[in-house]
Amino acid sequence: MPLLGAHDSILAIGAHFDDVELGCGGVLAKAASRGCHITILVMTSSSYTHARGEIVRTAEAAYDEGVAAAATLGVTDVRCLGLGNMNLRWEGDTVAAIEAIMEEVRPAIIFTHWPFDTHQDHHYGSLATLSAARYFSSILMYDPMFPSGRSYHPFRPQVYFDITDTLDAKIAALRCHASELRKYGDNWLDAVTARARYRGYETGAQYAEAFEAVRLQVRL
């Protein structure tokens, strides 16, 4: 019962540059190797200035890192809405911008954030995506990553993809996000690998990515 076939279109949506790689980088690398057309849509500019006034990541650096990371996964179609980082809103203009891209690429499956994520951009980005995707039949939500995943509501892993053969590509893609790596250090990548190992253990694989389904159309 294949979920994705060769030449299917996939849309992976993240609030920031690096969210998609964290959530489904292994799946995207596998899908790209099978000939799927993949579009990565990033909602915000992803620039970030610390409360102390320190510039942690510029919009230009975030974009360049994101394009390099996507290329590592085999993805060349990267879009950015350029909305305000830390101020993403669930409103008509945001929904319309996402919907326009969905209508263009006609994805067989959509990956997006989990709506109970404690990062406000992830939360509202997920809700905007769900509104825009109301006519689409397959939507999977990412396993939230610490620290933004520390929610009052449990994430329910329901759909698993074996990424044993693409974990290295996922980690290599995350290494492209130099500004984030400086912020979190190698422990960040160790934690990503550990989670993939744990999700693999749950489903009988060495490494896996897990998702919660909004809805899922399975083709026989």
C-alpha atoms as a PDB file:
ATOM      1  CA  MET A   1       0.000   0.000   0.000  1.00  0.00           C
ATOM      2  CA  PRO A   2       2.338   2.764  -1.173  1.00  0.00           C
ATOM      3  CA  LEU A   3       1.868   6.171   0.400  1.00  0.00           C
ATOM      4  CA  LEU A   4       4.106   7.944  -2.100  1.00  0.00           C
ATOM      5  CA  GLY A   5       4.835   6.987  -5.663  1.00  0.00           C
ATOM      6  CA  ALA A   6       7.477   8.141  -8.105  1.00  0.00           C
ATOM      7  CA  HIS A   7       6.760  11.599  -9.544  1.00  0.00           C
ATOM      8  CA  ASP A   8       4.250  12.468  -6.815  1.00  0.00           C
ATOM      9  CA  SER A   9       4.321  16.074  -5.654  1.00  0.00           C
ATOM     10  CA  ILE A  10       5.128  16.793  -2.005  1.00  0.00           C
ATOM     11  CA  LEU A  11       4.736  20.067  -0.124  1.00  0.00           C
ATOM     12  CA  ALA A  12       6.667  20.445   3.132  1.00  0.00           C
ATOM     13  CA  ILE A  13       5.822  23.571   5.105  1.00  0.00           C
ATOM     14  CA  GLY A  14       7.794  25.080   7.956  1.00  0.00           C
ATOM     15  CA  ALA A  15       7.552  28.315   9.872  1.00  0.00           C
ATOM     16  CA  HIS A  16      11.349  28.760   9.721  1.00  0.00           C
ATOM     17  CA  PHE A  17      14.345  27.621   7.752  1.00  0.00           C
ATOM     18  CA  ASP A  18      15.414  24.293   9.373  1.00  0.00           C
ATOM     19  CA  ASP A  19      11.911  23.244  10.547  1.00  0.00           C
ATOM     20  CA  VAL A  20      11.284  21.069   7.503  1.00  0.00           C
ATOM     21  CA  GLU A  21      14.657  19.350   7.770  1.00  0.00           C
ATOM     22  CA  LEU A  22      14.027  18.625  11.445  1.00  0.00           C
ATOM     23  CA  GLY A  23      10.518  17.328  10.843  1.00  0.00           C
ATOM     24  CA  CYS A  24      10.802  15.303   7.652  1.00  0.00           C
ATOM     25  CA  GLY A  25      14.294  15.662   6.201  1.00  0.00           C
ATOM     26  CA  GLY A  26      14.769  11.911   6.018  1.00  0.00           C
ATOM     27  CA  VAL A  27      11.475  11.374   4.203  1.00  0.00           C
ATOM     28  CA  LEU A  28      12.223  14.155   1.719  1.00  0.00           C
ATOM     29  CA  ALA A  29      15.659  12.753   0.899  1.00  0.00           C
ATOM     30  CA  LYS A  30      14.103   9.343   0.244  1.00  0.00           C
ATOM     31  CA  ALA A  31      11.275  10.818  -1.830  1.00  0.00           C
ATOM     32  CA  ALA A  32      13.689  12.934  -3.881  1.00  0.00           C
ATOM     33  CA  SER A  33      15.747   9.847  -4.726  1.00  0.00           C
ATOM     34  CA  ARG A  34      12.575   8.234  -6.052  1.00  0.00           C
ATOM     35  CA  GLY A  35      11.758  11.083  -8.413  1.00  0.00           C
ATOM     36  CA  CYS A  36       9.112  12.925  -6.397  1.00  0.00           C
ATOM     37  CA  HIS A  37       8.812  16.659  -6.970  1.00  0.00           C
ATOM     38  CA  ILE A  38       9.290  18.362  -3.627  1.00  0.00           C
ATOM     39  CA  THR A  39       8.509  21.942  -2.696  1.00  0.00           C
ATOM     40  CA  ILE A  40       9.701  23.377   0.604  1.00  0.00           C
ATOM     41  CA  LEU A  41       7.692  26.388   1.748  1.00  0.00           C
ATOM     42  CA  VAL A  42       9.059  28.509   4.591  1.00  0.00           C
ATOM     43  CA  MET A  43       6.626  31.025   6.017  1.00  0.00           C
ATOM     44  CA  THR A  44       8.895  33.539   7.766  1.00  0.00           C
ATOM     45  CA  SER A  45      12.145  35.287   6.928  1.00  0.00           C
ATOM     46  CA  SER A  46      13.611  33.375   9.911  1.00  0.00           C
ATOM     47  CA  SER A  47      15.799  36.289  10.979  1.00  0.00           C
ATOM     48  CA  TYR A  48      16.274  36.429  14.729  1.00  0.00           C
ATOM     49  CA  THR A  49      17.598  39.005  17.152  1.00  0.00           C
ATOM     50  CA  HIS A  50      18.086  37.988  20.778  1.00  0.00           C
ATOM     51  CA  ALA A  51      16.343  39.974  23.502  1.00  0.00           C
ATOM     52  CA  ARG A  52      19.798  41.306  24.469  1.00  0.00           C
ATOM     53  CA  GLY A  53      20.058  42.866  21.004  1.00  0.00           C
ATOM     54  CA  GLU A  54      22.446  40.294  19.531  1.00  0.00           C
ATOM     55  CA  ILE A  55      21.716  39.353  15.900  1.00  0.00           C
ATOM     56  CA  VAL A  56      21.579  35.555  15.909  1.00  0.00           C
ATOM     57  CA  ARG A  57      20.557  35.018  12.288  1.00  0.00           C
ATOM     58  CA  THR A  58      19.914  37.411   9.425  1.00  0.00           C
ATOM     59  CA  ALA A  59      17.218  36.769   6.822  1.00  0.00           C
ATOM     60  CA  GLU A  60      19.905  36.449   4.133  1.00  0.00           C
ATOM     61  CA  ALA A  61      21.867  33.859   6.113  1.00  0.00           C
ATOM     62  CA  ALA A  62      18.727  31.900   6.923  1.00  0.00           C
ATOM     63  CA  TYR A  63      17.743  31.764   3.251  1.00  0.00           C
ATOM     64  CA  ASP A  64      21.191  30.753   2.038  1.00  0.00           C
ATOM     65  CA  GLU A  65      21.449  28.057   4.694  1.00  0.00           C
ATOM     66  CA  GLY A  66      17.971  26.802   3.844  1.00  0.00           C
ATOM     67  CA  VAL A  67      18.695  26.508   0.129  1.00  0.00           C
ATOM     68  CA  ALA A  68      21.942  24.653   0.844  1.00  0.00           C
ATOM     69  CA  ALA A  69      20.182  22.309   3.274  1.00  0.00           C
ATOM     70  CA  ALA A  70      17.424  21.559   0.775  1.00  0.00           C
ATOM     71  CA  ALA A  71      19.984  20.793  -1.932  1.00  0.00           C
ATOM     72  CA  THR A  72      21.615  18.290   0.424  1.00  0.00           C
ATOM     73  CA  LEU A  73      18.271  16.466   0.531  1.00  0.00           C
ATOM     74  CA  GLY A  74      17.904  16.647  -3.254  1.00  0.00           C
ATOM     75  CA  VAL A  75      15.348  19.476  -3.199  1.00  0.00           C
ATOM     76  CA  THR A  76      15.699  22.533  -5.447  1.00  0.00           C
ATOM     77  CA  ASP A  77      12.241  24.131  -5.171  1.00  0.00           C
ATOM     78  CA  VAL A  78      12.432  26.319  -2.063  1.00  0.00           C
ATOM     79  CA  ARG A  79       9.923  29.141  -1.499  1.00  0.00           C
ATOM     80  CA  CYS A  80       9.770  31.727   1.279  1.00  0.00           C
ATOM     81  CA  LEU A  81       6.787  33.936   2.101  1.00  0.00           C
ATOM     82  CA  GLY A  82       9.050  36.305   4.072  1.00  0.00           C
ATOM     83  CA  LEU A  83       6.571  36.903   6.880  1.00  0.00           C
ATOM     84  CA  GLY A  84       7.683  38.313  10.215  1.00  0.00           C
ATOM     85  CA  ASN A  85       9.598  35.887  12.398  1.00  0.00           C
ATOM     86  CA  MET A  86       8.063  35.355  15.854  1.00  0.00           C
ATOM     87  CA  ASN A  87       4.894  37.113  14.640  1.00  0.00           C
ATOM     88  CA  LEU A  88       3.294  34.617  12.261  1.00  0.00           C
ATOM     89  CA  ARG A  89      -0.492  34.915  12.236  1.00  0.00           C
ATOM     90  CA  TRP A  90      -3.367  32.629  11.355  1.00  0.00           C
ATOM     91  CA  GLU A  91      -5.235  35.013   9.097  1.00  0.00           C
ATOM     92  CA  GLY A  92      -6.699  35.270   5.632  1.00  0.00           C
ATOM     93  CA  ASP A  93      -3.662  36.641   3.804  1.00  0.00           C
ATOM     94  CA  THR A  94      -1.413  33.905   5.180  1.00  0.00           C
ATOM     95  CA  VAL A  95      -3.917  31.186   4.316  1.00  0.00           C
ATOM     96  CA  ALA A  96      -4.351  32.575   0.799  1.00  0.00           C
ATOM     97  CA  ALA A  97      -0.589  32.672   0.175  1.00  0.00           C
ATOM     98  CA  ILE A  98      -0.221  29.026   1.222  1.00  0.00           C
ATOM     99  CA  GLU A  99      -3.295  27.975  -0.726  1.00  0.00           C
ATOM    100  CA  ALA A 100      -1.949  29.571  -3.919  1.00  0.00           C
ATOM    101  CA  ILE A 101       1.177  27.411  -3.723  1.00  0.00           C
ATOM    102  CA  MET A 102      -0.881  24.311  -2.968  1.00  0.00           C
ATOM    103  CA  GLU A 103      -3.000  24.939  -6.034  1.00  0.00           C
ATOM    104  CA  GLU A 104       0.158  25.328  -8.115  1.00  0.00           C
ATOM    105  CA  VAL A 105       2.019  22.201  -6.988  1.00  0.00           C
ATOM    106  CA  ARG A 106      -1.052  19.999  -6.213  1.00  0.00           C
ATOM    107  CA  PRO A 107       0.704  17.915  -3.547  1.00  0.00           C
ATOM    108  CA  ALA A 108      -0.174  14.278  -3.009  1.00  0.00           C
ATOM    109  CA  ILE A 109       0.910  14.785   0.596  1.00  0.00           C
ATOM    110  CA  ILE A 110       1.473  17.838   2.785  1.00  0.00           C
ATOM    111  CA  PHE A 111       3.830  17.946   5.767  1.00  0.00           C
ATOM    112  CA  THR A 112       3.367  20.659   8.363  1.00  0.00           C
ATOM    113  CA  HIS A 113       3.741  21.560  12.026  1.00  0.00           C
ATOM    114  CA  TRP A 114       1.736  20.046  14.870  1.00  0.00           C
ATOM    115  CA  PRO A 115      -0.771  22.645  16.124  1.00  0.00           C
ATOM    116  CA  PHE A 116      -0.062  22.101  19.838  1.00  0.00           C
ATOM    117  CA  ASP A 117       3.585  23.081  19.398  1.00  0.00           C
ATOM    118  CA  THR A 118       4.521  25.683  22.008  1.00  0.00           C
ATOM    119  CA  HIS A 119       6.371  27.894  19.506  1.00  0.00           C
ATOM    120  CA  GLN A 120       3.797  30.440  18.402  1.00  0.00           C
ATOM    121  CA  ASP A 121       5.010  30.493  14.784  1.00  0.00           C
ATOM    122  CA  HIS A 122       4.725  26.701  14.572  1.00  0.00           C
ATOM    123  CA  HIS A 123       1.280  26.807  16.168  1.00  0.00           C
ATOM    124  CA  TYR A 124      -0.204  29.456  13.891  1.00  0.00           C
ATOM    125  CA  GLY A 125       1.652  28.130  10.866  1.00  0.00           C
ATOM    126  CA  SER A 126       0.036  24.754  11.383  1.00  0.00           C
ATOM    127  CA  LEU A 127      -3.440  26.241  11.706  1.00  0.00           C
ATOM    128  CA  ALA A 128      -2.954  28.363   8.583  1.00  0.00           C
ATOM    129  CA  THR A 129      -1.781  25.289   6.671  1.00  0.00           C
ATOM    130  CA  LEU A 130      -4.782  23.246   7.780  1.00  0.00           C
ATOM    131  CA  SER A 131      -7.098  26.012   6.617  1.00  0.00           C
ATOM    132  CA  ALA A 132      -5.350  26.260   3.253  1.00  0.00           C
ATOM    133  CA  ALA A 133      -5.322  22.469   2.800  1.00  0.00           C
ATOM    134  CA  ARG A 134      -9.015  21.901   3.363  1.00  0.00           C
ATOM    135  CA  TYR A 135      -9.444  20.366  -0.118  1.00  0.00           C
ATOM    136  CA  PHE A 136      -6.402  18.076   0.115  1.00  0.00           C
ATOM    137  CA  SER A 137      -6.571  14.480   1.292  1.00  0.00           C
ATOM    138  CA  SER A 138      -3.231  13.725   2.960  1.00  0.00           C
ATOM    139  CA  ILE A 139      -1.715  15.876   5.707  1.00  0.00           C
ATOM    140  CA  LEU A 140       0.911  14.709   8.184  1.00  0.00           C
ATOM    141  CA  MET A 141       2.228  16.746  11.118  1.00  0.00           C
ATOM    142  CA  TYR A 142       5.826  16.740  12.335  1.00  0.00           C
ATOM    143  CA  ASP A 143       7.074  15.235  15.552  1.00  0.00           C
ATOM    144  CA  PRO A 144       7.851  18.463  17.501  1.00  0.00           C
ATOM    145  CA  MET A 145      11.448  19.057  18.506  1.00  0.00           C
ATOM    146  CA  PHE A 146      12.629  20.302  21.899  1.00  0.00           C
ATOM    147  CA  PRO A 147      12.351  22.983  23.186  1.00  0.00           C
ATOM    148  CA  SER A 148       9.262  24.046  21.223  1.00  0.00           C
ATOM    149  CA  GLY A 149       7.553  20.682  21.584  1.00  0.00           C
ATOM    150  CA  ARG A 150       7.124  20.858  25.368  1.00  0.00           C
ATOM    151  CA  SER A 151       3.350  21.051  25.188  1.00  0.00           C
ATOM    152  CA  TYR A 152       0.412  20.430  27.480  1.00  0.00           C
ATOM    153  CA  HIS A 153      -1.004  18.101  24.814  1.00  0.00           C
ATOM    154  CA  PRO A 154       0.654  14.812  23.801  1.00  0.00           C
ATOM    155  CA  PHE A 155       1.962  14.241  20.293  1.00  0.00           C
ATOM    156  CA  ARG A 156       0.527  10.980  18.936  1.00  0.00           C
ATOM    157  CA  PRO A 157       2.916   9.211  16.526  1.00  0.00           C
ATOM    158  CA  GLN A 158       0.694   7.395  14.038  1.00  0.00           C
ATOM    159  CA  VAL A 159       2.596   7.222  10.745  1.00  0.00           C
ATOM    160  CA  TYR A 160       6.234   6.128  10.531  1.00  0.00           C
ATOM    161  CA  PHE A 161       8.775   6.305   7.702  1.00  0.00           C
ATOM    162  CA  ASP A 162      11.964   4.252   7.842  1.00  0.00           C
ATOM    163  CA  ILE A 163      14.811   6.737   7.251  1.00  0.00           C
ATOM    164  CA  THR A 164      17.690   4.408   8.017  1.00  0.00           C
ATOM    165  CA  ASP A 165      19.223   5.027   4.591  1.00  0.00           C
ATOM    166  CA  THR A 166      18.672   8.800   4.642  1.00  0.00           C
ATOM    167  CA  LEU A 167      19.470   9.797   8.239  1.00  0.00           C
ATOM    168  CA  ASP A 168      22.960  10.900   7.170  1.00  0.00           C
ATOM    169  CA  ALA A 169      21.425  13.221   4.564  1.00  0.00           C
ATOM    170  CA  LYS A 170      19.093  14.672   7.195  1.00  0.00           C
ATOM    171  CA  ILE A 171      21.984  15.397   9.567  1.00  0.00           C
ATOM    172  CA  ALA A 172      24.081  16.828   6.732  1.00  0.00           C
ATOM    173  CA  ALA A 173      21.193  19.141   5.837  1.00  0.00           C
ATOM    174  CA  LEU A 174      20.927  20.355   9.420  1.00  0.00           C
ATOM    175  CA  ARG A 175      24.662  21.054   9.463  1.00  0.00           C
ATOM    176  CA  CYS A 176      24.036  23.516   6.633  1.00  0.00           C
ATOM    177  CA  HIS A 177      22.148  25.673   9.148  1.00  0.00           C
ATOM    178  CA  ALA A 178      25.364  27.067  10.606  1.00  0.00           C
ATOM    179  CA  SER A 179      23.602  29.821  12.565  1.00  0.00           C
ATOM    180  CA  GLU A 180      21.377  27.283  14.314  1.00  0.00           C
ATOM    181  CA  LEU A 181      24.290  24.943  14.927  1.00  0.00           C
ATOM    182  CA  ARG A 182      26.180  27.773  16.632  1.00  0.00           C
ATOM    183  CA  LYS A 183      23.125  28.384  18.780  1.00  0.00           C
ATOM    184  CA  TYR A 184      22.462  24.779  19.862  1.00  0.00           C
ATOM    185  CA  GLY A 185      25.757  22.957  19.301  1.00  0.00           C
ATOM    186  CA  ASP A 186      26.394  19.362  18.322  1.00  0.00           C
ATOM    187  CA  ASN A 187      24.085  18.183  21.116  1.00  0.00           C
ATOM    188  CA  TRP A 188      21.273  19.369  18.834  1.00  0.00           C
ATOM    189  CA  LEU A 189      22.272  16.883  16.137  1.00  0.00           C
ATOM    190  CA  ASP A 190      22.836  14.147  18.722  1.00  0.00           C
ATOM    191  CA  ALA A 191      19.294  14.700  19.975  1.00  0.00           C
ATOM    192  CA  VAL A 192      17.857  14.546  16.444  1.00  0.00           C
ATOM    193  CA  THR A 193      19.668  11.252  15.848  1.00  0.00           C
ATOM    194  CA  ALA A 194      18.510   9.875  19.202  1.00  0.00           C
ATOM    195  CA  ARG A 195      14.907  10.701  18.455  1.00  0.00           C
ATOM    196  CA  ALA A 196      15.141   9.029  15.056  1.00  0.00           C
ATOM    197  CA  ARG A 197      16.614   5.967  16.759  1.00  0.00           C
ATOM    198  CA  TYR A 198      13.772   5.936  19.300  1.00  0.00           C
ATOM    199  CA  ARG A 199      11.094   6.277  16.604  1.00  0.00           C
ATOM    200  CA  GLY A 200      12.832   3.510  14.681  1.00  0.00           C
ATOM    201  CA  TYR A 201      12.760   1.304  17.777  1.00  0.00           C
ATOM    202  CA  GLU A 202       9.008   1.882  18.062  1.00  0.00           C
ATOM    203  CA  THR A 203       8.385   0.603  14.555  1.00  0.00           C
ATOM    204  CA  GLY A 204      11.094  -2.016  14.039  1.00  0.00           C
ATOM    205  CA  ALA A 205      13.510   0.094  11.978  1.00  0.00           C
ATOM    206  CA  GLN A 206      16.945   1.393  12.865  1.00  0.00           C
ATOM    207  CA  TYR A 207      15.920   5.029  12.335  1.00  0.00           C
ATOM    208  CA  ALA A 208      12.528   6.555  11.577  1.00  0.00           C
ATOM    209  CA  GLU A 209      10.530   9.771  11.448  1.00  0.00           C
ATOM    210  CA  ALA A 210       7.068   9.820  13.006  1.00  0.00           C
ATOM    211  CA  PHE A 211       4.022  11.913  12.190  1.00  0.00           C
ATOM    212  CA  GLU A 212       0.526  12.542  13.464  1.00  0.00           C
ATOM    213  CA  ALA A 213      -2.097  12.324  10.738  1.00  0.00           C
ATOM    214  CA  VAL A 214      -4.762  14.929  10.138  1.00  0.00           C
ATOM    215  CA  ARG A 215      -6.044  12.742   7.350  1.00  0.00           C
ATOM    216  CA  LEU A 216      -4.378  10.275   5.050  1.00  0.00           C
ATOM    217  CA  GLN A 217      -5.346   8.838   1.693  1.00  0.00           C
ATOM    218  CA  VAL A 218      -3.716   5.448   1.084  1.00  0.00           C
ATOM    219  CA  ARG A 219      -3.604   4.094  -2.448  1.00  0.00           C
ATOM    220  CA  LEU A 220      -3.691   0.333  -3.001  1.00  0.00           C
END
